C-alpha atoms as a PDB file:
ATOM      1  CA  MET A   1      11.628  32.314 -11.677  1.00  0.00           C
ATOM      2  CA  ASP A   2      12.093  29.583 -14.282  1.00  0.00           C
ATOM      3  CA  ARG A   3      15.563  28.847 -12.920  1.00  0.00           C
ATOM      4  CA  GLU A   4      14.161  28.651  -9.381  1.00  0.00           C
ATOM      5  CA  LEU A   5      11.537  26.106 -10.451  1.00  0.00           C
ATOM      6  CA  LYS A   6      14.091  24.006 -12.314  1.00  0.00           C
ATOM      7  CA  ASN A   7      16.296  23.889  -9.233  1.00  0.00           C
ATOM      8  CA  LEU A   8      13.446  23.223  -6.787  1.00  0.00           C
ATOM      9  CA  HIS A   9      13.941  20.038  -4.733  1.00  0.00           C
ATOM     10  CA  LEU A  10      11.078  18.415  -2.817  1.00  0.00           C
ATOM     11  CA  ASN A  11      10.831  15.414  -0.523  1.00  0.00           C
ATOM     12  CA  ILE A  12       7.975  12.893  -0.396  1.00  0.00           C
ATOM     13  CA  SER A  13       6.211  14.617   2.515  1.00  0.00           C
ATOM     14  CA  GLN A  14       6.243  17.950   0.700  1.00  0.00           C
ATOM     15  CA  LEU A  15       4.943  16.331  -2.497  1.00  0.00           C
ATOM     16  CA  ALA A  16       2.169  14.628  -0.522  1.00  0.00           C
ATOM     17  CA  ALA A  17       1.189  17.902   1.111  1.00  0.00           C
ATOM     18  CA  LEU A  18       1.143  19.740  -2.236  1.00  0.00           C
ATOM     19  CA  SER A  19      -0.825  17.072  -4.058  1.00  0.00           C
ATOM     20  CA  GLY A  20      -3.136  16.017  -1.260  1.00  0.00           C
ATOM     21  CA  ALA A  21      -2.150  12.385  -1.836  1.00  0.00           C
ATOM     22  CA  HIS A  22      -0.943   9.930   0.794  1.00  0.00           C
ATOM     23  CA  ARG A  23       2.822   9.628   1.313  1.00  0.00           C
ATOM     24  CA  GLN A  24       2.794   5.972   0.212  1.00  0.00           C
ATOM     25  CA  THR A  25       1.045   6.884  -3.024  1.00  0.00           C
ATOM     26  CA  VAL A  26       3.590   9.594  -3.733  1.00  0.00           C
ATOM     27  CA  ALA A  27       6.467   7.232  -2.896  1.00  0.00           C
ATOM     28  CA  ALA A  28       5.092   4.639  -5.311  1.00  0.00           C
ATOM     29  CA  ARG A  29       4.810   7.206  -8.090  1.00  0.00           C
ATOM     30  CA  VAL A  30       8.352   8.554  -7.663  1.00  0.00           C
ATOM     31  CA  LYS A  31      10.053   5.176  -7.194  1.00  0.00           C
ATOM     32  CA  ASN A  32      11.492   5.337 -10.746  1.00  0.00           C
ATOM     33  CA  ILE A  33      13.047   8.755 -10.160  1.00  0.00           C
ATOM     34  CA  SER A  34      16.577   8.872  -8.814  1.00  0.00           C
ATOM     35  CA  PRO A  35      16.979  11.223  -5.840  1.00  0.00           C
ATOM     36  CA  ALA A  36      18.719  14.506  -6.604  1.00  0.00           C
ATOM     37  CA  GLY A  37      19.927  15.174  -3.105  1.00  0.00           C
ATOM     38  CA  GLY A  38      19.378  14.643   0.571  1.00  0.00           C
ATOM     39  CA  HIS A  39      20.347  11.577   2.552  1.00  0.00           C
ATOM     40  CA  GLU A  40      19.892   8.261   0.764  1.00  0.00           C
ATOM     41  CA  SER A  41      18.354   6.488   3.754  1.00  0.00           C
ATOM     42  CA  ASN A  42      16.185   9.115   5.434  1.00  0.00           C
ATOM     43  CA  LEU A  43      15.519  12.212   3.367  1.00  0.00           C
ATOM     44  CA  LYS A  44      15.395  11.863  -0.386  1.00  0.00           C
ATOM     45  CA  LEU A  45      14.980  15.027  -2.420  1.00  0.00           C
ATOM     46  CA  TYR A  46      13.662  14.985  -5.965  1.00  0.00           C
ATOM     47  CA  ARG A  47      13.923  17.672  -8.664  1.00  0.00           C
ATOM     48  CA  LEU A  48      10.602  19.171  -9.663  1.00  0.00           C
ATOM     49  CA  THR A  49      11.483  18.725 -13.341  1.00  0.00           C
ATOM     50  CA  ASP A  50      12.138  14.982 -12.837  1.00  0.00           C
ATOM     51  CA  ILE A  51       8.858  14.568 -10.965  1.00  0.00           C
ATOM     52  CA  LEU A  52       6.867  16.323 -13.666  1.00  0.00           C
ATOM     53  CA  ALA A  53       8.555  14.332 -16.428  1.00  0.00           C
ATOM     54  CA  GLU A  54       7.738  11.043 -14.676  1.00  0.00           C
ATOM     55  CA  LEU A  55       4.130  12.006 -14.012  1.00  0.00           C
ATOM     56  CA  MET A  56       3.635  13.032 -17.637  1.00  0.00           C
ATOM     57  CA  LYS A  57       4.592   9.485 -18.704  1.00  0.00           C
ATOM     58  CA  ALA A  58       1.984   7.772 -16.530  1.00  0.00           C
ATOM     59  CA  PRO A  59      -1.463   7.390 -18.061  1.00  0.00           C
ATOM     60  CA  LEU A  60      -4.316   8.943 -16.164  1.00  0.00           C
ATOM     61  CA  PRO A  61      -6.655   6.507 -14.428  1.00  0.00           C
ATOM     62  CA  VAL A  62      -9.862   5.981 -16.354  1.00  0.00           C
ATOM     63  CA  ASP A  63     -13.254   5.455 -14.783  1.00  0.00           C
ATOM     64  CA  ASN A  64     -14.953   2.216 -15.837  1.00  0.00           C
ATOM     65  CA  GLU A  65     -18.035   4.109 -16.948  1.00  0.00           C
ATOM     66  CA  GLU A  66     -15.970   6.195 -19.389  1.00  0.00           C
ATOM     67  CA  MET A  67     -14.531   3.138 -21.178  1.00  0.00           C
ATOM     68  CA  ASP A  68     -16.058   1.869 -24.365  1.00  0.00           C
ATOM     69  CA  PRO A  69     -17.737  -1.558 -23.981  1.00  0.00           C
ATOM     70  CA  HIS A  70     -14.895  -3.543 -25.551  1.00  0.00           C
ATOM     71  CA  ALA A  71     -12.241  -1.909 -23.374  1.00  0.00           C
ATOM     72  CA  ARG A  72     -14.395  -2.386 -20.263  1.00  0.00           C
ATOM     73  CA  LYS A  73     -14.912  -6.084 -21.084  1.00  0.00           C
ATOM     74  CA  ALA A  74     -11.173  -6.525 -21.653  1.00  0.00           C
ATOM     75  CA  TRP A  75     -10.379  -4.775 -18.372  1.00  0.00           C
ATOM     76  CA  TYR A  76     -12.807  -6.922 -16.344  1.00  0.00           C
ATOM     77  CA  GLN A  77     -11.510 -10.070 -18.041  1.00  0.00           C
ATOM     78  CA  SER A  78      -7.919  -9.117 -17.219  1.00  0.00           C
ATOM     79  CA  GLU A  79      -8.904  -8.450 -13.594  1.00  0.00           C
ATOM     80  CA  ARG A  80     -10.604 -11.870 -13.384  1.00  0.00           C
ATOM     81  CA  ASP A  81      -7.508 -13.511 -14.834  1.00  0.00           C
ATOM     82  CA  ARG A  82      -5.255 -11.601 -12.437  1.00  0.00           C
ATOM     83  CA  LEU A  83      -7.330 -12.662  -9.435  1.00  0.00           C
ATOM     84  CA  LYS A  84      -7.357 -16.266 -10.620  1.00  0.00           C
ATOM     85  CA  PHE A  85      -3.580 -16.192 -11.080  1.00  0.00           C
ATOM     86  CA  GLU A  86      -3.034 -14.646  -7.654  1.00  0.00           C
ATOM     87  CA  GLN A  87      -5.232 -17.314  -6.075  1.00  0.00           C
ATOM     88  CA  GLU A  88      -3.379 -20.105  -7.888  1.00  0.00           C
ATOM     89  CA  THR A  89       0.026 -18.761  -6.818  1.00  0.00           C
ATOM     90  CA  GLY A  90      -1.088 -18.298  -3.211  1.00  0.00           C
ATOM     91  CA  GLN A  91      -0.912 -14.502  -3.210  1.00  0.00           C
ATOM     92  CA  LEU A  92      -4.679 -14.250  -2.776  1.00  0.00           C
ATOM     93  CA  VAL A  93      -6.316 -16.285  -0.015  1.00  0.00           C
ATOM     94  CA  PRO A  94     -10.066 -17.002   0.119  1.00  0.00           C
ATOM     95  CA  VAL A  95     -11.972 -15.307   2.928  1.00  0.00           C
ATOM     96  CA  SER A  96     -13.067 -18.633   4.402  1.00  0.00           C
ATOM     97  CA  ASP A  97      -9.438 -19.721   4.856  1.00  0.00           C
ATOM     98  CA  VAL A  98      -8.547 -16.427   6.517  1.00  0.00           C
ATOM     99  CA  ARG A  99     -11.524 -16.661   8.866  1.00  0.00           C
ATOM    100  CA  ARG A 100     -10.648 -20.242   9.754  1.00  0.00           C
ATOM    101  CA  SER A 101      -7.029 -19.311  10.496  1.00  0.00           C
ATOM    102  CA  PHE A 102      -7.992 -16.295  12.588  1.00  0.00           C
ATOM    103  CA  SER A 103     -10.551 -18.310  14.534  1.00  0.00           C
ATOM    104  CA  VAL A 104      -7.882 -20.863  15.503  1.00  0.00           C
ATOM    105  CA  VAL A 105      -5.598 -18.081  16.732  1.00  0.00           C
ATOM    106  CA  VAL A 106      -8.358 -16.249  18.592  1.00  0.00           C
ATOM    107  CA  LYS A 107      -9.585 -19.464  20.237  1.00  0.00           C
ATOM    108  CA  ALA A 108      -6.084 -20.159  21.531  1.00  0.00           C
ATOM    109  CA  ILE A 109      -5.763 -16.631  22.913  1.00  0.00           C
ATOM    110  CA  VAL A 110      -9.204 -16.761  24.533  1.00  0.00           C
ATOM    111  CA  GLN A 111      -8.414 -20.102  26.160  1.00  0.00           C
ATOM    112  CA  VAL A 112      -5.216 -18.702  27.694  1.00  0.00           C
ATOM    113  CA  LEU A 113      -6.979 -15.561  28.900  1.00  0.00           C
ATOM    114  CA  GLU A 114      -9.892 -17.536  30.396  1.00  0.00           C
ATOM    115  CA  THR A 115      -7.613 -19.865  32.352  1.00  0.00           C
ATOM    116  CA  TRP A 116      -5.198 -17.171  33.468  1.00  0.00           C
ATOM    117  CA  PRO A 117      -7.072 -16.141  36.654  1.00  0.00           C
ATOM    118  CA  ASP A 118      -7.365 -19.788  37.733  1.00  0.00           C
ATOM    119  CA  ARG A 119      -3.654 -20.383  37.140  1.00  0.00           C
ATOM    120  CA  LEU A 120      -2.736 -17.252  39.096  1.00  0.00           C
ATOM    121  CA  GLU A 121      -4.953 -18.378  41.974  1.00  0.00           C
ATOM    122  CA  ARG A 122      -3.435 -21.827  41.968  1.00  0.00           C
ATOM    123  CA  ASP A 123       0.233 -20.911  41.441  1.00  0.00           C
ATOM    124  CA  ARG A 124       0.476 -17.647  43.384  1.00  0.00           C
ATOM    125  CA  GLY A 125      -2.159 -18.313  45.987  1.00  0.00           C
ATOM    126  CA  TRP A 126      -4.144 -15.265  44.990  1.00  0.00           C
ATOM    127  CA  THR A 127      -7.820 -15.231  45.893  1.00  0.00           C
END
C-alpha cells in the first residue's frame, strides 16, 4: 500500500474534491510543484508525495484572536502599509473612483437604451 500511495497521481480537480477547497485555491497552493504527468496544457497530474511535501512547508493560517498582542499589532501595521502601497502604485482604487467610473459607463448605456426605441421608429418607420 505504501508503494501505491507514493505512486498516486492526482489532478487539481481531484485534490479540490478531496480537500473540499476551491480549484483556484488548490491551484495556487500547488503552483510551486512541477507536474509529474498528464498533458502540460490541460491535465496536470501531481504526485501525492510532492503535494504533501509542499503543504508541510506552508505555515498554517493563524486567527487574529490567537496572536499575541505584539504579533497582532505587527500584522495590522503590515496590512495598513500594504494597502497604502497598493493605493500608491495604483493596484488599489478607492471606492469613490470606482463608483464614479461605473456611473459614467452606466449613464452612457442607459442613454443609448432610452433613445433606441425612438431611433428605431425614426429610421425603420416602426410604430
